[in-house]
């Protein structure tokens, strides 16, 4: 039960940080009907991962003050 609660908490944290993460990543939306290549997707994933880490760190820093 503890694992399920922890997973739910982490999922909620991710959803709460998603708007800030997307903003920090600075990625433009795709054009209608145009798809990204595998390389472009990997590049965008890299940006989102690092933006999420930055957003999480920023929020934790602000909360702890």
N, C-alpha and C. Protein backbone atom coordinates (compact mmCIF):
# COMPACT_ATOMS: atom_id res chain seq x y z
N UNK A 1 0.82 -1.20 0.00
CA UNK A 1 0.00 0.00 0.00
C UNK A 1 0.87 1.26 0.00
N UNK A 2 2.00 1.21 0.71
CA UNK A 2 2.88 2.37 0.78
C UNK A 2 3.46 2.69 -0.59
N UNK A 3 3.79 1.66 -1.37
CA UNK A 3 4.31 1.88 -2.71
C UNK A 3 3.29 2.56 -3.61
N UNK A 4 2.03 2.16 -3.49
CA UNK A 4 0.97 2.76 -4.30
C UNK A 4 0.77 4.23 -3.91
N UNK A 5 0.84 4.52 -2.62
CA UNK A 5 0.70 5.91 -2.16
C UNK A 5 1.86 6.76 -2.64
N UNK A 6 3.08 6.21 -2.58
CA UNK A 6 4.26 6.94 -3.03
C UNK A 6 4.19 7.21 -4.53
N UNK A 7 3.77 6.21 -5.27
CA UNK A 7 3.64 6.38 -6.73
C UNK A 7 2.59 7.44 -7.05
N UNK A 8 1.49 7.43 -6.34
CA UNK A 8 0.43 8.42 -6.55
C UNK A 8 0.93 9.82 -6.18
N UNK A 9 1.69 9.94 -5.10
CA UNK A 9 2.23 11.24 -4.70
C UNK A 9 3.19 11.78 -5.75
N UNK A 10 4.06 10.92 -6.26
CA UNK A 10 5.02 11.35 -7.28
C UNK A 10 4.32 11.74 -8.57
N UNK A 11 3.27 11.01 -8.93
CA UNK A 11 2.50 11.34 -10.13
C UNK A 11 1.83 12.70 -9.96
N UNK A 12 1.28 12.95 -8.79
CA UNK A 12 0.63 14.24 -8.51
C UNK A 12 1.65 15.38 -8.57
N UNK A 13 2.84 15.13 -8.01
CA UNK A 13 3.91 16.13 -8.06
C UNK A 13 4.27 16.45 -9.51
N UNK A 14 4.39 15.40 -10.33
CA UNK A 14 4.70 15.60 -11.74
C UNK A 14 3.63 16.45 -12.42
N UNK A 15 2.36 16.13 -12.19
CA UNK A 15 1.28 16.90 -12.82
C UNK A 15 1.26 18.34 -12.34
N UNK A 16 1.54 18.55 -11.07
CA UNK A 16 1.57 19.92 -10.53
C UNK A 16 2.69 20.74 -11.15
N UNK A 17 3.82 20.09 -11.44
CA UNK A 17 4.97 20.80 -12.01
C UNK A 17 4.94 20.89 -13.53
N UNK A 18 4.02 20.19 -14.17
CA UNK A 18 4.01 20.14 -15.63
C UNK A 18 3.92 21.50 -16.31
N UNK A 19 3.04 22.41 -15.90
CA UNK A 19 3.01 23.73 -16.57
C UNK A 19 4.35 24.48 -16.47
N UNK A 20 4.96 24.46 -15.30
CA UNK A 20 6.26 25.12 -15.13
C UNK A 20 7.33 24.41 -15.96
N UNK A 21 7.28 23.10 -15.98
CA UNK A 21 8.25 22.31 -16.75
C UNK A 21 8.18 22.66 -18.24
N UNK A 22 6.98 22.68 -18.79
CA UNK A 22 6.80 22.99 -20.21
C UNK A 22 7.28 24.41 -20.50
N UNK A 23 6.99 25.32 -19.60
CA UNK A 23 7.43 26.70 -19.78
C UNK A 23 8.95 26.80 -19.76
N UNK A 24 9.59 26.12 -18.81
CA UNK A 24 11.05 26.16 -18.73
C UNK A 24 11.71 25.48 -19.93
N UNK A 25 11.10 24.44 -20.44
CA UNK A 25 11.67 23.72 -21.59
C UNK A 25 11.68 24.60 -22.83
N UNK A 26 10.70 25.49 -22.94
CA UNK A 26 10.66 26.45 -24.06
C UNK A 26 10.50 25.81 -25.43
N UNK A 27 9.81 24.69 -25.48
CA UNK A 27 9.64 23.99 -26.74
C UNK A 27 8.39 24.47 -27.47
N UNK A 28 8.52 24.79 -28.74
CA UNK A 28 7.34 25.21 -29.50
C UNK A 28 6.46 23.99 -29.82
N UNK A 29 5.16 24.18 -29.93
CA UNK A 29 4.29 23.06 -30.32
C UNK A 29 4.54 22.70 -31.79
N UNK A 30 4.21 21.49 -32.14
CA UNK A 30 4.39 21.06 -33.53
C UNK A 30 3.33 21.70 -34.41
N UNK A 31 3.63 21.78 -35.68
CA UNK A 31 2.66 22.29 -36.64
C UNK A 31 1.61 21.21 -36.89
N UNK A 32 0.41 21.63 -37.19
CA UNK A 32 -0.69 20.70 -37.43
C UNK A 32 -0.34 19.77 -38.59
N UNK A 33 -0.44 18.47 -38.35
CA UNK A 33 -0.18 17.48 -39.38
C UNK A 33 1.29 17.16 -39.60
N UNK A 34 2.18 17.80 -38.85
CA UNK A 34 3.62 17.55 -39.00
C UNK A 34 4.10 16.76 -37.79
N UNK A 35 4.87 15.73 -38.05
CA UNK A 35 5.36 14.87 -36.98
C UNK A 35 6.85 15.05 -36.80
N UNK A 36 7.32 14.81 -35.58
CA UNK A 36 8.74 14.92 -35.28
C UNK A 36 9.45 13.62 -35.63
N UNK A 37 10.71 13.75 -35.99
CA UNK A 37 11.53 12.57 -36.24
C UNK A 37 11.95 11.99 -34.89
N UNK A 38 12.50 10.79 -34.91
CA UNK A 38 12.95 10.16 -33.67
C UNK A 38 14.02 11.00 -32.99
N UNK A 39 14.91 11.57 -33.77
CA UNK A 39 15.97 12.43 -33.21
C UNK A 39 15.39 13.68 -32.57
N UNK A 40 14.39 14.28 -33.21
CA UNK A 40 13.76 15.47 -32.65
C UNK A 40 13.03 15.15 -31.35
N UNK A 41 12.40 13.99 -31.30
CA UNK A 41 11.71 13.57 -30.07
C UNK A 41 12.72 13.39 -28.94
N UNK A 42 13.83 12.75 -29.23
CA UNK A 42 14.87 12.55 -28.22
C UNK A 42 15.39 13.90 -27.70
N UNK A 43 15.57 14.85 -28.59
CA UNK A 43 16.03 16.18 -28.20
C UNK A 43 15.01 16.86 -27.30
N UNK A 44 13.74 16.74 -27.64
CA UNK A 44 12.68 17.34 -26.83
C UNK A 44 12.58 16.64 -25.47
N UNK A 45 12.74 15.32 -25.44
CA UNK A 45 12.72 14.59 -24.17
C UNK A 45 13.84 15.06 -23.26
N UNK A 46 15.01 15.26 -23.81
CA UNK A 46 16.16 15.75 -23.06
C UNK A 46 15.81 17.10 -22.42
N UNK A 47 15.23 17.99 -23.21
CA UNK A 47 14.87 19.32 -22.70
C UNK A 47 13.82 19.24 -21.60
N UNK A 48 12.82 18.38 -21.78
CA UNK A 48 11.76 18.26 -20.78
C UNK A 48 12.30 17.63 -19.49
N UNK A 49 13.14 16.62 -19.61
CA UNK A 49 13.73 16.01 -18.41
C UNK A 49 14.50 17.02 -17.58
N UNK A 50 15.32 17.80 -18.24
CA UNK A 50 16.12 18.79 -17.52
C UNK A 50 15.26 19.93 -16.98
N UNK A 51 14.24 20.30 -17.72
CA UNK A 51 13.33 21.35 -17.23
C UNK A 51 12.56 20.85 -16.01
N UNK A 52 12.17 19.57 -15.99
CA UNK A 52 11.46 19.02 -14.84
C UNK A 52 12.36 19.03 -13.60
N UNK A 53 13.60 18.63 -13.77
CA UNK A 53 14.54 18.65 -12.65
C UNK A 53 14.72 20.07 -12.12
N UNK A 54 14.81 21.04 -13.02
CA UNK A 54 14.96 22.43 -12.62
C UNK A 54 13.70 22.93 -11.91
N UNK A 55 12.53 22.59 -12.43
CA UNK A 55 11.27 23.02 -11.83
C UNK A 55 11.13 22.42 -10.43
N UNK A 56 11.43 21.15 -10.29
CA UNK A 56 11.33 20.48 -8.99
C UNK A 56 12.30 21.09 -8.00
N UNK A 57 13.52 21.37 -8.44
CA UNK A 57 14.50 21.99 -7.57
C UNK A 57 14.08 23.40 -7.15
N UNK A 58 13.54 24.16 -8.08
CA UNK A 58 13.09 25.51 -7.77
C UNK A 58 11.97 25.50 -6.74
N UNK A 59 10.99 24.65 -6.94
CA UNK A 59 9.86 24.58 -6.00
C UNK A 59 10.33 24.13 -4.63
N UNK A 60 11.19 23.14 -4.57
CA UNK A 60 11.71 22.69 -3.27
C UNK A 60 12.49 23.79 -2.58
N UNK A 61 13.28 24.54 -3.35
CA UNK A 61 14.04 25.65 -2.77
C UNK A 61 13.10 26.72 -2.22
N UNK A 62 12.08 27.05 -2.97
CA UNK A 62 11.14 28.08 -2.52
C UNK A 62 10.33 27.65 -1.32
N UNK A 63 9.97 26.39 -1.26
CA UNK A 63 9.18 25.88 -0.14
C UNK A 63 10.02 25.85 1.14
N UNK A 64 11.29 25.53 1.01
CA UNK A 64 12.14 25.39 2.20
C UNK A 64 12.53 26.72 2.82
N UNK A 65 12.32 27.81 2.13
CA UNK A 65 12.70 29.13 2.67
C UNK A 65 11.64 29.69 3.55
